[in-house]
Amino acid sequence: MDEVVNMLRNGVVELCFVKKDGSVRVMRATLNAALFTYEHKGRERNNANVTCVWDMDKQAWRSFRNESLLSWEQE
């Protein structure tokens, strides 16, 4: 996950993962604050098994379970 997080911090990454309902989702995401703006709402979640990212298409925070990640590719 360190490689994925570093890529997310540097730009946009296309992530492919399995959702809780078993469906596969592709998401364009980032952790590079220069690429989005937001107002922080809610509380922080500290869970080593879950990664929170900014969804570029939905313009909102989303998360996925690390073990569900199938593939990733830097855009």
PDB file of N, CA and C in Angstrom:
ATOM      1  N   MET A   1       0.818  -1.195   0.000  1.00  0.00           N
ATOM      2  CA  MET A   1       0.000   0.000   0.000  1.00  0.00           C
ATOM      3  C   MET A   1       0.862   1.259   0.000  1.00  0.00           C
ATOM      4  N   ASP A   2       2.088   1.167   0.464  1.00  0.00           N
ATOM      5  CA  ASP A   2       2.951   2.347   0.481  1.00  0.00           C
ATOM      6  C   ASP A   2       3.152   2.904  -0.923  1.00  0.00           C
ATOM      7  N   GLU A   3       3.352   2.024  -1.892  1.00  0.00           N
ATOM      8  CA  GLU A   3       3.530   2.452  -3.284  1.00  0.00           C
ATOM      9  C   GLU A   3       2.277   3.171  -3.797  1.00  0.00           C
ATOM     10  N   VAL A   4       1.119   2.618  -3.506  1.00  0.00           N
ATOM     11  CA  VAL A   4      -0.148   3.211  -3.956  1.00  0.00           C
ATOM     12  C   VAL A   4      -0.352   4.581  -3.313  1.00  0.00           C
ATOM     13  N   VAL A   5      -0.122   4.686  -2.016  1.00  0.00           N
ATOM     14  CA  VAL A   5      -0.302   5.958  -1.313  1.00  0.00           C
ATOM     15  C   VAL A   5       0.657   7.010  -1.857  1.00  0.00           C
ATOM     16  N   ASN A   6       1.894   6.634  -2.130  1.00  0.00           N
ATOM     17  CA  ASN A   6       2.851   7.578  -2.712  1.00  0.00           C
ATOM     18  C   ASN A   6       2.389   8.057  -4.080  1.00  0.00           C
ATOM     19  N   MET A   7       1.867   7.162  -4.890  1.00  0.00           N
ATOM     20  CA  MET A   7       1.340   7.543  -6.204  1.00  0.00           C
ATOM     21  C   MET A   7       0.153   8.489  -6.046  1.00  0.00           C
ATOM     22  N   LEU A   8      -0.727   8.210  -5.088  1.00  0.00           N
ATOM     23  CA  LEU A   8      -1.891   9.059  -4.838  1.00  0.00           C
ATOM     24  C   LEU A   8      -1.473  10.456  -4.379  1.00  0.00           C
ATOM     25  N   ARG A   9      -0.418  10.534  -3.608  1.00  0.00           N
ATOM     26  CA  ARG A   9       0.073  11.836  -3.127  1.00  0.00           C
ATOM     27  C   ARG A   9       0.677  12.664  -4.260  1.00  0.00           C
ATOM     28  N   ASN A  10       1.145  11.993  -5.307  1.00  0.00           N
ATOM     29  CA  ASN A  10       1.807  12.681  -6.415  1.00  0.00           C
ATOM     30  C   ASN A  10       0.889  13.033  -7.563  1.00  0.00           C
ATOM     31  N   GLY A  11      -0.294  12.435  -7.627  1.00  0.00           N
ATOM     32  CA  GLY A  11      -1.190  12.719  -8.746  1.00  0.00           C
ATOM     33  C   GLY A  11      -2.449  11.880  -8.684  1.00  0.00           C
ATOM     34  N   VAL A  12      -3.029  11.664  -9.856  1.00  0.00           N
ATOM     35  CA  VAL A  12      -4.273  10.904  -9.964  1.00  0.00           C
ATOM     36  C   VAL A  12      -3.943   9.453 -10.313  1.00  0.00           C
ATOM     37  N   VAL A  13      -4.617   8.539  -9.638  1.00  0.00           N
ATOM     38  CA  VAL A  13      -4.407   7.110  -9.840  1.00  0.00           C
ATOM     39  C   VAL A  13      -5.753   6.455 -10.133  1.00  0.00           C
ATOM     40  N   GLU A  14      -5.773   5.583 -11.125  1.00  0.00           N
ATOM     41  CA  GLU A  14      -6.972   4.807 -11.406  1.00  0.00           C
ATOM     42  C   GLU A  14      -6.900   3.540 -10.558  1.00  0.00           C
ATOM     43  N   LEU A  15      -7.840   3.418  -9.625  1.00  0.00           N
ATOM     44  CA  LEU A  15      -7.899   2.274  -8.717  1.00  0.00           C
ATOM     45  C   LEU A  15      -9.018   1.339  -9.133  1.00  0.00           C
ATOM     46  N   CYS A  16      -8.784   0.057  -9.040  1.00  0.00           N
ATOM     47  CA  CYS A  16      -9.809  -0.944  -9.296  1.00  0.00           C
ATOM     48  C   CYS A  16      -9.879  -1.819  -8.053  1.00  0.00           C
ATOM     49  N   PHE A  17     -11.076  -1.911  -7.464  1.00  0.00           N
ATOM     50  CA  PHE A  17     -11.221  -2.672  -6.229  1.00  0.00           C
ATOM     51  C   PHE A  17     -12.607  -3.305  -6.164  1.00  0.00           C
ATOM     52  N   VAL A  18     -12.757  -4.271  -5.250  1.00  0.00           N
ATOM     53  CA  VAL A  18     -14.027  -4.958  -5.038  1.00  0.00           C
ATOM     54  C   VAL A  18     -14.751  -4.266  -3.892  1.00  0.00           C
ATOM     55  N   LYS A  19     -15.991  -3.841  -4.161  1.00  0.00           N
ATOM     56  CA  LYS A  19     -16.804  -3.200  -3.133  1.00  0.00           C
ATOM     57  C   LYS A  19     -17.357  -4.247  -2.171  1.00  0.00           C
ATOM     58  N   LYS A  20     -17.898  -3.790  -1.050  1.00  0.00           N
ATOM     59  CA  LYS A  20     -18.474  -4.707  -0.056  1.00  0.00           C
ATOM     60  C   LYS A  20     -19.542  -5.608  -0.650  1.00  0.00           C
ATOM     61  N   ASP A  21     -20.306  -5.078  -1.630  1.00  0.00           N
ATOM     62  CA  ASP A  21     -21.384  -5.873  -2.225  1.00  0.00           C
ATOM     63  C   ASP A  21     -20.886  -6.866  -3.274  1.00  0.00           C
ATOM     64  N   GLY A  22     -19.563  -6.912  -3.489  1.00  0.00           N
ATOM     65  CA  GLY A  22     -18.981  -7.862  -4.428  1.00  0.00           C
ATOM     66  C   GLY A  22     -18.773  -7.319  -5.829  1.00  0.00           C
ATOM     67  N   SER A  23     -19.324  -6.157  -6.122  1.00  0.00           N
ATOM     68  CA  SER A  23     -19.129  -5.562  -7.448  1.00  0.00           C
ATOM     69  C   SER A  23     -17.748  -4.923  -7.529  1.00  0.00           C
ATOM     70  N   VAL A  24     -17.257  -4.774  -8.751  1.00  0.00           N
ATOM     71  CA  VAL A  24     -15.947  -4.183  -8.989  1.00  0.00           C
ATOM     72  C   VAL A  24     -16.141  -2.719  -9.358  1.00  0.00           C
ATOM     73  N   ARG A  25     -15.331  -1.857  -8.768  1.00  0.00           N
ATOM     74  CA  ARG A  25     -15.435  -0.420  -9.048  1.00  0.00           C
ATOM     75  C   ARG A  25     -14.094   0.110  -9.512  1.00  0.00           C
ATOM     76  N   VAL A  26     -14.145   0.986 -10.510  1.00  0.00           N
ATOM     77  CA  VAL A  26     -12.967   1.714 -10.967  1.00  0.00           C
ATOM     78  C   VAL A  26     -13.152   3.163 -10.539  1.00  0.00           C
ATOM     79  N   MET A  27     -12.129   3.726  -9.903  1.00  0.00           N
ATOM     80  CA  MET A  27     -12.225   5.084  -9.389  1.00  0.00           C
ATOM     81  C   MET A  27     -10.938   5.845  -9.702  1.00  0.00           C
ATOM     82  N   ARG A  28     -11.106   7.076 -10.181  1.00  0.00           N
ATOM     83  CA  ARG A  28      -9.979   7.992 -10.344  1.00  0.00           C
ATOM     84  C   ARG A  28      -9.838   8.744  -9.037  1.00  0.00           C
ATOM     85  N   ALA A  29      -8.693   8.599  -8.378  1.00  0.00           N
ATOM     86  CA  ALA A  29      -8.544   9.142  -7.037  1.00  0.00           C
ATOM     87  C   ALA A  29      -7.193   9.825  -6.854  1.00  0.00           C
ATOM     88  N   THR A  30      -7.115  10.646  -5.796  1.00  0.00           N
ATOM     89  CA  THR A  30      -5.864  11.321  -5.452  1.00  0.00           C
ATOM     90  C   THR A  30      -5.821  11.627  -3.962  1.00  0.00           C
ATOM     91  N   LEU A  31      -4.618  11.909  -3.485  1.00  0.00           N
ATOM     92  CA  LEU A  31      -4.397  12.467  -2.154  1.00  0.00           C
ATOM     93  C   LEU A  31      -3.587  13.750  -2.272  1.00  0.00           C
ATOM     94  N   ASN A  32      -3.436  14.244  -3.487  1.00  0.00           N
ATOM     95  CA  ASN A  32      -2.693  15.470  -3.753  1.00  0.00           C
ATOM     96  C   ASN A  32      -3.633  16.654  -3.566  1.00  0.00           C
ATOM     97  N   ALA A  33      -3.475  17.369  -2.454  1.00  0.00           N
ATOM     98  CA  ALA A  33      -4.383  18.460  -2.098  1.00  0.00           C
ATOM     99  C   ALA A  33      -4.386  19.595  -3.116  1.00  0.00           C
ATOM    100  N   ALA A  34      -3.371  19.685  -3.949  1.00  0.00           N
ATOM    101  CA  ALA A  34      -3.331  20.724  -4.981  1.00  0.00           C
ATOM    102  C   ALA A  34      -4.336  20.447  -6.098  1.00  0.00           C
ATOM    103  N   LEU A  35      -4.879  19.239  -6.151  1.00  0.00           N
ATOM    104  CA  LEU A  35      -5.783  18.848  -7.234  1.00  0.00           C
ATOM    105  C   LEU A  35      -7.263  18.937  -6.858  1.00  0.00           C
ATOM    106  N   PHE A  36      -7.578  19.327  -5.615  1.00  0.00           N
ATOM    107  CA  PHE A  36      -8.980  19.434  -5.207  1.00  0.00           C
ATOM    108  C   PHE A  36      -9.120  20.403  -4.043  1.00  0.00           C
ATOM    109  N   THR A  37     -10.348  20.858  -3.832  1.00  0.00           N
ATOM    110  CA  THR A  37     -10.668  21.674  -2.662  1.00  0.00           C
ATOM    111  C   THR A  37     -11.893  21.059  -1.988  1.00  0.00           C
ATOM    112  N   TYR A  38     -11.969  21.214  -0.676  1.00  0.00           N
ATOM    113  CA  TYR A  38     -13.089  20.648   0.059  1.00  0.00           C
ATOM    114  C   TYR A  38     -13.205  21.333   1.406  1.00  0.00           C
ATOM    115  N   GLU A  39     -14.361  21.209   2.005  1.00  0.00           N
ATOM    116  CA  GLU A  39     -14.565  21.601   3.390  1.00  0.00           C
ATOM    117  C   GLU A  39     -14.606  20.323   4.199  1.00  0.00           C
ATOM    118  N   HIS A  40     -13.794  20.255   5.217  1.00  0.00           N
ATOM    119  CA  HIS A  40     -13.742  19.047   6.029  1.00  0.00           C
ATOM    120  C   HIS A  40     -15.015  18.930   6.858  1.00  0.00           C
ATOM    121  N   LYS A  41     -15.689  17.815   6.714  1.00  0.00           N
ATOM    122  CA  LYS A  41     -16.889  17.550   7.498  1.00  0.00           C
ATOM    123  C   LYS A  41     -16.766  16.156   8.084  1.00  0.00           C
ATOM    124  N   GLY A  42     -17.239  15.976   9.290  1.00  0.00           N
ATOM    125  CA  GLY A  42     -17.181  14.667   9.925  1.00  0.00           C
ATOM    126  C   GLY A  42     -15.888  14.476  10.680  1.00  0.00           C
ATOM    127  N   ARG A  43     -15.658  13.273  11.131  1.00  0.00           N
ATOM    128  CA  ARG A  43     -14.456  13.012  11.908  1.00  0.00           C
ATOM    129  C   ARG A  43     -13.508  12.105  11.148  1.00  0.00           C
ATOM    130  N   GLU A  44     -12.259  12.152  11.529  1.00  0.00           N
ATOM    131  CA  GLU A  44     -11.231  11.329  10.894  1.00  0.00           C
ATOM    132  C   GLU A  44     -11.408   9.862  11.298  1.00  0.00           C
ATOM    133  N   ARG A  45     -11.143   8.991  10.378  1.00  0.00           N
ATOM    134  CA  ARG A  45     -11.167   7.557  10.665  1.00  0.00           C
ATOM    135  C   ARG A  45      -9.738   7.052  10.642  1.00  0.00           C
ATOM    136  N   ASN A  46      -9.348   6.388  11.679  1.00  0.00           N
ATOM    137  CA  ASN A  46      -8.008   5.816  11.747  1.00  0.00           C
ATOM    138  C   ASN A  46      -8.121   4.305  11.710  1.00  0.00           C
ATOM    139  N   ASN A  47      -7.989   3.747  10.532  1.00  0.00           N
ATOM    140  CA  ASN A  47      -8.079   2.313  10.352  1.00  0.00           C
ATOM    141  C   ASN A  47      -7.001   1.923   9.351  1.00  0.00           C
ATOM    142  N   ALA A  48      -6.034   1.142   9.790  1.00  0.00           N
ATOM    143  CA  ALA A  48      -4.906   0.757   8.937  1.00  0.00           C
ATOM    144  C   ALA A  48      -5.338  -0.112   7.769  1.00  0.00           C
ATOM    145  N   ASN A  49      -6.538  -0.690   7.819  1.00  0.00           N
ATOM    146  CA  ASN A  49      -7.003  -1.586   6.754  1.00  0.00           C
ATOM    147  C   ASN A  49      -7.818  -0.873   5.686  1.00  0.00           C
ATOM    148  N   VAL A  50      -8.077   0.428   5.888  1.00  0.00           N
ATOM    149  CA  VAL A  50      -8.909   1.201   4.966  1.00  0.00           C
ATOM    150  C   VAL A  50      -8.135   2.430   4.509  1.00  0.00           C
ATOM    151  N   THR A  51      -8.210   2.731   3.223  1.00  0.00           N
ATOM    152  CA  THR A  51      -7.575   3.927   2.680  1.00  0.00           C
ATOM    153  C   THR A  51      -8.652   4.890   2.206  1.00  0.00           C
ATOM    154  N   CYS A  52      -8.579   6.134   2.680  1.00  0.00           N
ATOM    155  CA  CYS A  52      -9.507   7.186   2.258  1.00  0.00           C
ATOM    156  C   CYS A  52      -8.824   8.016   1.171  1.00  0.00           C
ATOM    157  N   VAL A  53      -9.550   8.279   0.097  1.00  0.00           N
ATOM    158  CA  VAL A  53      -9.014   9.032  -1.036  1.00  0.00           C
ATOM    159  C   VAL A  53     -10.050  10.023  -1.538  1.00  0.00           C
ATOM    160  N   TRP A  54      -9.617  10.993  -2.313  1.00  0.00           N
ATOM    161  CA  TRP A  54     -10.513  11.948  -2.952  1.00  0.00           C
ATOM    162  C   TRP A  54     -10.899  11.387  -4.316  1.00  0.00           C
ATOM    163  N   ASP A  55     -12.185  11.158  -4.540  1.00  0.00           N
ATOM    164  CA  ASP A  55     -12.707  10.660  -5.815  1.00  0.00           C
ATOM    165  C   ASP A  55     -12.811  11.849  -6.766  1.00  0.00           C
ATOM    166  N   MET A  56     -12.023  11.840  -7.822  1.00  0.00           N
ATOM    167  CA  MET A  56     -11.963  12.958  -8.761  1.00  0.00           C
ATOM    168  C   MET A  56     -13.272  13.153  -9.518  1.00  0.00           C
ATOM    169  N   ASP A  57     -13.993  12.088  -9.787  1.00  0.00           N
ATOM    170  CA  ASP A  57     -15.232  12.190 -10.555  1.00  0.00           C
ATOM    171  C   ASP A  57     -16.411  12.621  -9.683  1.00  0.00           C
ATOM    172  N   LYS A  58     -16.492  12.097  -8.470  1.00  0.00           N
ATOM    173  CA  LYS A  58     -17.612  12.427  -7.577  1.00  0.00           C
ATOM    174  C   LYS A  58     -17.330  13.657  -6.728  1.00  0.00           C
ATOM    175  N   GLN A  59     -16.064  14.114  -6.752  1.00  0.00           N
ATOM    176  CA  GLN A  59     -15.649  15.279  -5.963  1.00  0.00           C
ATOM    177  C   GLN A  59     -16.033  15.118  -4.496  1.00  0.00           C
ATOM    178  N   ALA A  60     -15.646  13.959  -3.943  1.00  0.00           N
ATOM    179  CA  ALA A  60     -15.960  13.646  -2.555  1.00  0.00           C
ATOM    180  C   ALA A  60     -14.974  12.605  -2.025  1.00  0.00           C
ATOM    181  N   TRP A  61     -14.865  12.528  -0.710  1.00  0.00           N
ATOM    182  CA  TRP A  61     -14.036  11.498  -0.089  1.00  0.00           C
ATOM    183  C   TRP A  61     -14.708  10.144  -0.228  1.00  0.00           C
ATOM    184  N   ARG A  62     -13.925   9.146  -0.547  1.00  0.00           N
ATOM    185  CA  ARG A  62     -14.378   7.758  -0.626  1.00  0.00           C
ATOM    186  C   ARG A  62     -13.297   6.887   0.007  1.00  0.00           C
ATOM    187  N   SER A  63     -13.652   5.672   0.349  1.00  0.00           N
ATOM    188  CA  SER A  63     -12.670   4.771   0.946  1.00  0.00           C
ATOM    189  C   SER A  63     -12.845   3.365   0.396  1.00  0.00           C
ATOM    190  N   PHE A  64     -11.790   2.578   0.566  1.00  0.00           N
ATOM    191  CA  PHE A  64     -11.820   1.170   0.149  1.00  0.00           C
ATOM    192  C   PHE A  64     -10.958   0.369   1.109  1.00  0.00           C
ATOM    193  N   ARG A  65     -11.293  -0.893   1.236  1.00  0.00           N
ATOM    194  CA  ARG A  65     -10.489  -1.792   2.059  1.00  0.00           C
ATOM    195  C   ARG A  65      -9.235  -2.174   1.278  1.00  0.00           C
ATOM    196  N   ASN A  66      -8.096  -2.081   1.939  1.00  0.00           N
ATOM    197  CA  ASN A  66      -6.823  -2.325   1.263  1.00  0.00           C
ATOM    198  C   ASN A  66      -6.759  -3.704   0.604  1.00  0.00           C
ATOM    199  N   GLU A  67      -7.292  -4.717   1.270  1.00  0.00           N
ATOM    200  CA  GLU A  67      -7.216  -6.075   0.721  1.00  0.00           C
ATOM    201  C   GLU A  67      -8.117  -6.255  -0.500  1.00  0.00           C
ATOM    202  N   SER A  68      -9.020  -5.300  -0.751  1.00  0.00           N
ATOM    203  CA  SER A  68      -9.918  -5.420  -1.908  1.00  0.00           C
ATOM    204  C   SER A  68      -9.344  -4.809  -3.184  1.00  0.00           C
ATOM    205  N   LEU A  69      -8.199  -4.143  -3.070  1.00  0.00           N
ATOM    206  CA  LEU A  69      -7.578  -3.487  -4.219  1.00  0.00           C
ATOM    207  C   LEU A  69      -7.071  -4.520  -5.217  1.00  0.00           C
ATOM    208  N   LEU A  70      -7.559  -4.436  -6.456  1.00  0.00           N
ATOM    209  CA  LEU A  70      -7.166  -5.385  -7.500  1.00  0.00           C
ATOM    210  C   LEU A  70      -6.030  -4.862  -8.359  1.00  0.00           C
ATOM    211  N   SER A  71      -6.091  -3.566  -8.716  1.00  0.00           N
ATOM    212  CA  SER A  71      -5.046  -2.978  -9.559  1.00  0.00           C
ATOM    213  C   SER A  71      -5.040  -1.470  -9.404  1.00  0.00           C
ATOM    214  N   TRP A  72      -3.964  -0.846  -9.839  1.00  0.00           N
ATOM    215  CA  TRP A  72      -3.831   0.604  -9.806  1.00  0.00           C
ATOM    216  C   TRP A  72      -2.884   1.036 -10.914  1.00  0.00           C
ATOM    217  N   GLU A  73      -3.138   2.238 -11.423  1.00  0.00           N
ATOM    218  CA  GLU A  73      -2.305   2.757 -12.504  1.00  0.00           C
ATOM    219  C   GLU A  73      -2.285   4.280 -12.420  1.00  0.00           C
ATOM    220  N   GLN A  74      -1.090   4.846 -12.432  1.00  0.00           N
ATOM    221  CA  GLN A  74      -0.931   6.315 -12.418  1.00  0.00           C
ATOM    222  C   GLN A  74      -1.409   6.876 -13.727  1.00  0.00           C
ATOM    223  N   GLU A  75      -2.172   7.980 -13.671  1.00  0.00           N
ATOM    224  CA  GLU A  75      -2.641   8.633 -14.903  1.00  0.00           C
ATOM    225  C   GLU A  75      -1.587   9.569 -15.420  1.00  0.00           C
TER     226      GLU A  75
END
